[in-house]
């Protein structure tokens, strides 16, 4: 179970840091010399208030994880809306970073890991972040579409791992839990969609890279 959590955390941070950096690089391709200067570091202020406020509430004994999840979800929805147009894409990228940071903070706060476990999780996160940042910085501009497809596959794989972990946790309660059927449906759909996302993104990466099948591929 712990290995699944570590793998999940490592993949999330890998995708998060690398993906947002790639997005920033793609946006920089459209910058003009006459564009006004940007002060993106100022986005750290609302992000710090968001995560720091949660840490302060947790320290005072308040359990507001659900509120954090809601706020993080709204930030991610705002990120998708912002990235849909060139004029608001940079704001959308920043909102996405804040949303994912808040979600990770709420997850850690809800788990309340022991110091030993927290150290291991921090190591996994540092490893994943280093890999993501290294790849995102070294990749050539012409290879960005392939990289986006490869990173997108990491959306599906953590979803599958999360569903597997959820099934392992809830399995002993299926016989007595009235919501067992709903849990099974959610786990099945999450596993199926995550699998299709993972494998489809890898196929897209291979096609963009010119190293994949040229005939139809069945994954069912």
Protein backbone atom coordinates (compact mmCIF):
# COMPACT_ATOMS: atom_id res chain seq x y z
CA UNK A 1 0.00 0.00 0.00
CA UNK A 2 2.79 2.41 0.88
CA UNK A 3 4.58 1.64 -2.38
CA UNK A 4 1.40 2.55 -4.27
CA UNK A 5 1.18 5.84 -2.39
CA UNK A 6 4.83 6.65 -3.04
CA UNK A 7 4.49 5.82 -6.72
CA UNK A 8 1.34 7.92 -6.93
CA UNK A 9 2.96 10.90 -5.19
CA UNK A 10 6.09 10.66 -7.29
CA UNK A 11 4.12 10.55 -10.53
CA UNK A 12 1.88 13.43 -9.47
CA UNK A 13 4.80 15.71 -8.64
CA UNK A 14 6.63 14.56 -11.78
CA UNK A 15 3.63 15.50 -13.95
CA UNK A 16 2.80 18.64 -11.97
CA UNK A 17 6.18 20.36 -12.03
CA UNK A 18 7.18 19.21 -15.48
CA UNK A 19 3.77 19.84 -17.01
CA UNK A 20 3.43 23.39 -15.73
CA UNK A 21 6.98 24.23 -16.77
CA UNK A 22 6.30 22.91 -20.28
CA UNK A 23 3.13 25.01 -20.42
CA UNK A 24 5.14 28.08 -19.41
CA UNK A 25 7.71 27.38 -22.12
CA UNK A 26 4.99 27.03 -24.73
CA UNK A 27 3.46 30.34 -23.64
CA UNK A 28 6.87 32.02 -23.83
CA UNK A 29 7.06 31.06 -27.51
CA UNK A 30 4.34 33.66 -28.20
CA UNK A 31 5.90 36.51 -26.23
CA UNK A 32 6.82 39.64 -28.14
CA UNK A 33 9.67 41.99 -27.23
CA UNK A 34 7.13 44.77 -26.76
CA UNK A 35 5.04 42.85 -24.22
CA UNK A 36 4.95 44.41 -20.74
CA UNK A 37 7.07 42.76 -18.02
CA UNK A 38 5.52 40.00 -15.96
CA UNK A 39 5.74 39.47 -12.23
CA UNK A 40 4.71 35.85 -11.98
CA UNK A 41 6.34 35.46 -8.59
CA UNK A 42 3.51 37.53 -7.13
CA UNK A 43 1.25 34.54 -7.62
CA UNK A 44 3.13 33.02 -4.69
CA UNK A 45 1.22 35.40 -2.42
CA UNK A 46 -2.30 33.97 -2.95
CA UNK A 47 -0.85 30.46 -3.17
CA UNK A 48 0.96 30.93 0.13
CA UNK A 49 -2.17 32.33 1.79
CA UNK A 50 -4.22 29.40 0.49
CA UNK A 51 -1.84 26.67 1.68
CA UNK A 52 -0.65 28.58 4.76
CA UNK A 53 -4.22 29.25 5.87
CA UNK A 54 -4.95 25.55 5.70
CA UNK A 55 -1.81 24.76 7.70
CA UNK A 56 -2.84 27.28 10.36
CA UNK A 57 -6.35 25.81 10.55
CA UNK A 58 -4.93 22.31 10.82
CA UNK A 59 -2.61 23.43 13.61
CA UNK A 60 -5.64 24.81 15.50
CA UNK A 61 -7.46 21.50 15.24
CA UNK A 62 -9.86 22.32 12.40
CA UNK A 63 -10.44 19.68 9.74
CA UNK A 64 -11.20 21.61 6.57
CA UNK A 65 -9.88 19.14 4.00
CA UNK A 66 -13.17 19.15 2.09
CA UNK A 67 -13.08 22.93 1.81
CA UNK A 68 -9.49 22.70 0.54
CA UNK A 69 -10.51 20.10 -2.02
CA UNK A 70 -13.33 22.37 -3.15
CA UNK A 71 -11.05 25.39 -3.41
CA UNK A 72 -8.39 23.39 -5.24
CA UNK A 73 -10.98 22.00 -7.62
CA UNK A 74 -12.25 25.49 -8.39
CA UNK A 75 -8.68 26.62 -9.06
CA UNK A 76 -8.18 23.73 -11.47
CA UNK A 77 -11.46 24.51 -13.24
CA UNK A 78 -10.35 28.14 -13.47
CA UNK A 79 -7.03 26.93 -14.87
CA UNK A 80 -8.76 25.04 -17.67
CA UNK A 81 -10.89 28.09 -18.45
CA UNK A 82 -7.83 30.36 -18.41
CA UNK A 83 -5.77 28.10 -20.65
CA UNK A 84 -8.51 28.12 -23.28
CA UNK A 85 -7.53 31.62 -24.48
CA UNK A 86 -4.14 33.19 -25.12
CA UNK A 87 -4.89 36.33 -23.11
CA UNK A 88 -5.61 34.46 -19.86
CA UNK A 89 -3.37 31.41 -20.34
CA UNK A 90 -0.67 32.58 -17.93
CA UNK A 91 -3.23 33.23 -15.22
CA UNK A 92 -4.70 29.79 -15.89
CA UNK A 93 -1.30 28.18 -15.51
CA UNK A 94 -0.79 29.93 -12.16
CA UNK A 95 -4.26 28.90 -10.96
CA UNK A 96 -3.46 25.31 -11.86
CA UNK A 97 -0.29 25.40 -9.78
CA UNK A 98 -2.15 26.84 -6.79
CA UNK A 99 -4.92 24.24 -7.12
CA UNK A 100 -2.57 21.27 -7.27
CA UNK A 101 -0.48 22.63 -4.39
CA UNK A 102 -3.60 23.03 -2.24
CA UNK A 103 -4.79 19.55 -3.13
CA UNK A 104 -1.47 17.98 -2.18
CA UNK A 105 -1.43 19.93 1.09
CA UNK A 106 -4.96 18.79 1.96
CA UNK A 107 -4.08 15.18 1.11
CA UNK A 108 -1.04 15.25 3.40
CA UNK A 109 -3.08 16.96 6.12
CA UNK A 110 -5.81 14.36 5.87
CA UNK A 111 -3.35 11.44 5.96
CA UNK A 112 -1.41 12.86 8.92
CA UNK A 113 1.67 10.73 8.13
CA UNK A 114 4.24 9.86 10.74
CA UNK A 115 7.61 11.68 10.55
CA UNK A 116 9.24 8.59 9.04
CA UNK A 117 6.53 8.23 6.41
CA UNK A 118 6.57 11.96 5.69
CA UNK A 119 10.32 11.78 5.10
CA UNK A 120 9.87 8.95 2.63
CA UNK A 121 7.04 10.75 0.85
CA UNK A 122 9.14 13.92 0.66
CA UNK A 123 11.95 11.94 -0.90
CA UNK A 124 9.59 10.46 -3.48
CA UNK A 125 8.19 13.92 -4.24
CA UNK A 126 11.68 15.40 -4.58
CA UNK A 127 12.71 12.61 -6.95
CA UNK A 128 9.59 13.01 -9.08
CA UNK A 129 9.91 16.79 -9.16
CA UNK A 130 13.57 16.63 -10.14
CA UNK A 131 12.82 14.24 -13.00
CA UNK A 132 9.93 16.37 -14.24
CA UNK A 133 11.84 19.64 -14.09
CA UNK A 134 14.92 18.15 -15.74
CA UNK A 135 12.96 16.74 -18.65
CA UNK A 136 10.90 19.91 -19.07
CA UNK A 137 14.01 22.13 -19.14
CA UNK A 138 16.06 19.96 -21.49
CA UNK A 139 13.37 19.09 -24.03
CA UNK A 140 13.57 20.74 -27.45
CA UNK A 141 10.75 23.03 -28.57
CA UNK A 142 9.95 20.75 -31.51
CA UNK A 143 9.46 17.83 -29.13
CA UNK A 144 6.93 19.56 -26.85
CA UNK A 145 3.85 17.82 -28.37
CA UNK A 146 5.38 14.41 -27.65
CA UNK A 147 6.27 15.47 -24.13
CA UNK A 148 2.75 16.73 -23.47
CA UNK A 149 1.39 13.35 -24.58
CA UNK A 150 3.89 11.52 -22.35
CA UNK A 151 3.06 13.69 -19.34
CA UNK A 152 -0.65 13.26 -19.99
CA UNK A 153 -0.24 9.51 -19.66
CA UNK A 154 0.78 10.18 -16.06
CA UNK A 155 -2.72 11.48 -15.44
CA UNK A 156 -4.15 8.05 -16.19
CA UNK A 157 -1.63 5.91 -14.32
CA UNK A 158 -2.09 7.59 -10.90
CA UNK A 159 -5.86 7.32 -11.41
CA UNK A 160 -5.52 3.57 -11.88
CA UNK A 161 -3.22 3.22 -8.87
CA UNK A 162 -5.59 5.30 -6.74
CA UNK A 163 -8.56 3.12 -7.70
CA UNK A 164 -6.60 -0.05 -6.96
CA UNK A 165 -5.63 1.31 -3.54
CA UNK A 166 -9.25 2.35 -2.86
CA UNK A 167 -10.46 -1.14 -3.75
CA UNK A 168 -7.89 -2.73 -1.43
CA UNK A 169 -8.98 -0.45 1.41
CA UNK A 170 -12.74 -0.86 0.93
CA UNK A 171 -12.81 -4.57 0.03
CA UNK A 172 -13.27 -5.84 3.62
CA UNK A 173 -16.35 -3.59 4.01
CA UNK A 174 -18.16 -4.53 0.81
CA UNK A 175 -20.35 -7.12 2.52
CA UNK A 176 -21.76 -4.65 5.07
CA UNK A 177 -21.44 -1.25 3.40
CA UNK A 178 -24.72 -0.12 1.79
CA UNK A 179 -22.76 2.05 -0.63
CA UNK A 180 -20.54 -0.83 -1.76
CA UNK A 181 -22.06 -1.02 -5.23
CA UNK A 182 -21.47 2.69 -5.79
CA UNK A 183 -17.86 2.30 -4.67
CA UNK A 184 -17.38 -0.60 -7.08
CA UNK A 185 -18.81 1.42 -9.96
CA UNK A 186 -16.57 4.40 -9.20
CA UNK A 187 -13.50 2.18 -8.91
CA UNK A 188 -14.33 0.38 -12.15
CA UNK A 189 -14.91 3.61 -14.08
CA UNK A 190 -11.79 5.23 -12.64
CA UNK A 191 -9.67 2.21 -13.52
CA UNK A 192 -11.10 1.93 -17.03
CA UNK A 193 -10.83 5.64 -17.87
CA UNK A 194 -7.36 5.85 -16.34
CA UNK A 195 -6.21 2.82 -18.32
CA UNK A 196 -7.52 4.25 -21.58
CA UNK A 197 -5.95 7.64 -20.82
CA UNK A 198 -2.61 6.05 -19.97
CA UNK A 199 -2.40 3.72 -22.95
CA UNK A 200 -3.93 6.23 -25.39
CA UNK A 201 -1.45 8.92 -24.40
CA UNK A 202 1.44 6.51 -24.86
CA UNK A 203 0.17 5.62 -28.32
CA UNK A 204 -0.14 9.34 -29.13
CA UNK A 205 3.42 9.87 -27.94
CA UNK A 206 4.64 7.01 -30.09
CA UNK A 207 2.86 8.28 -33.18
CA UNK A 208 4.22 11.81 -32.71
CA UNK A 209 7.68 10.35 -32.19
CA UNK A 210 7.29 8.05 -35.20
CA UNK A 211 7.88 4.89 -33.14
CA UNK A 212 4.56 3.10 -32.86
CA UNK A 213 2.05 0.90 -34.59
CA UNK A 214 0.68 1.90 -38.01
CA UNK A 215 -2.34 -0.38 -37.80
CA UNK A 216 -5.31 -0.35 -35.45
CA UNK A 217 -4.55 -1.18 -31.82
CA UNK A 218 -7.19 -2.71 -29.56
CA UNK A 219 -6.89 -2.16 -25.79
CA UNK A 220 -10.17 -3.83 -24.79
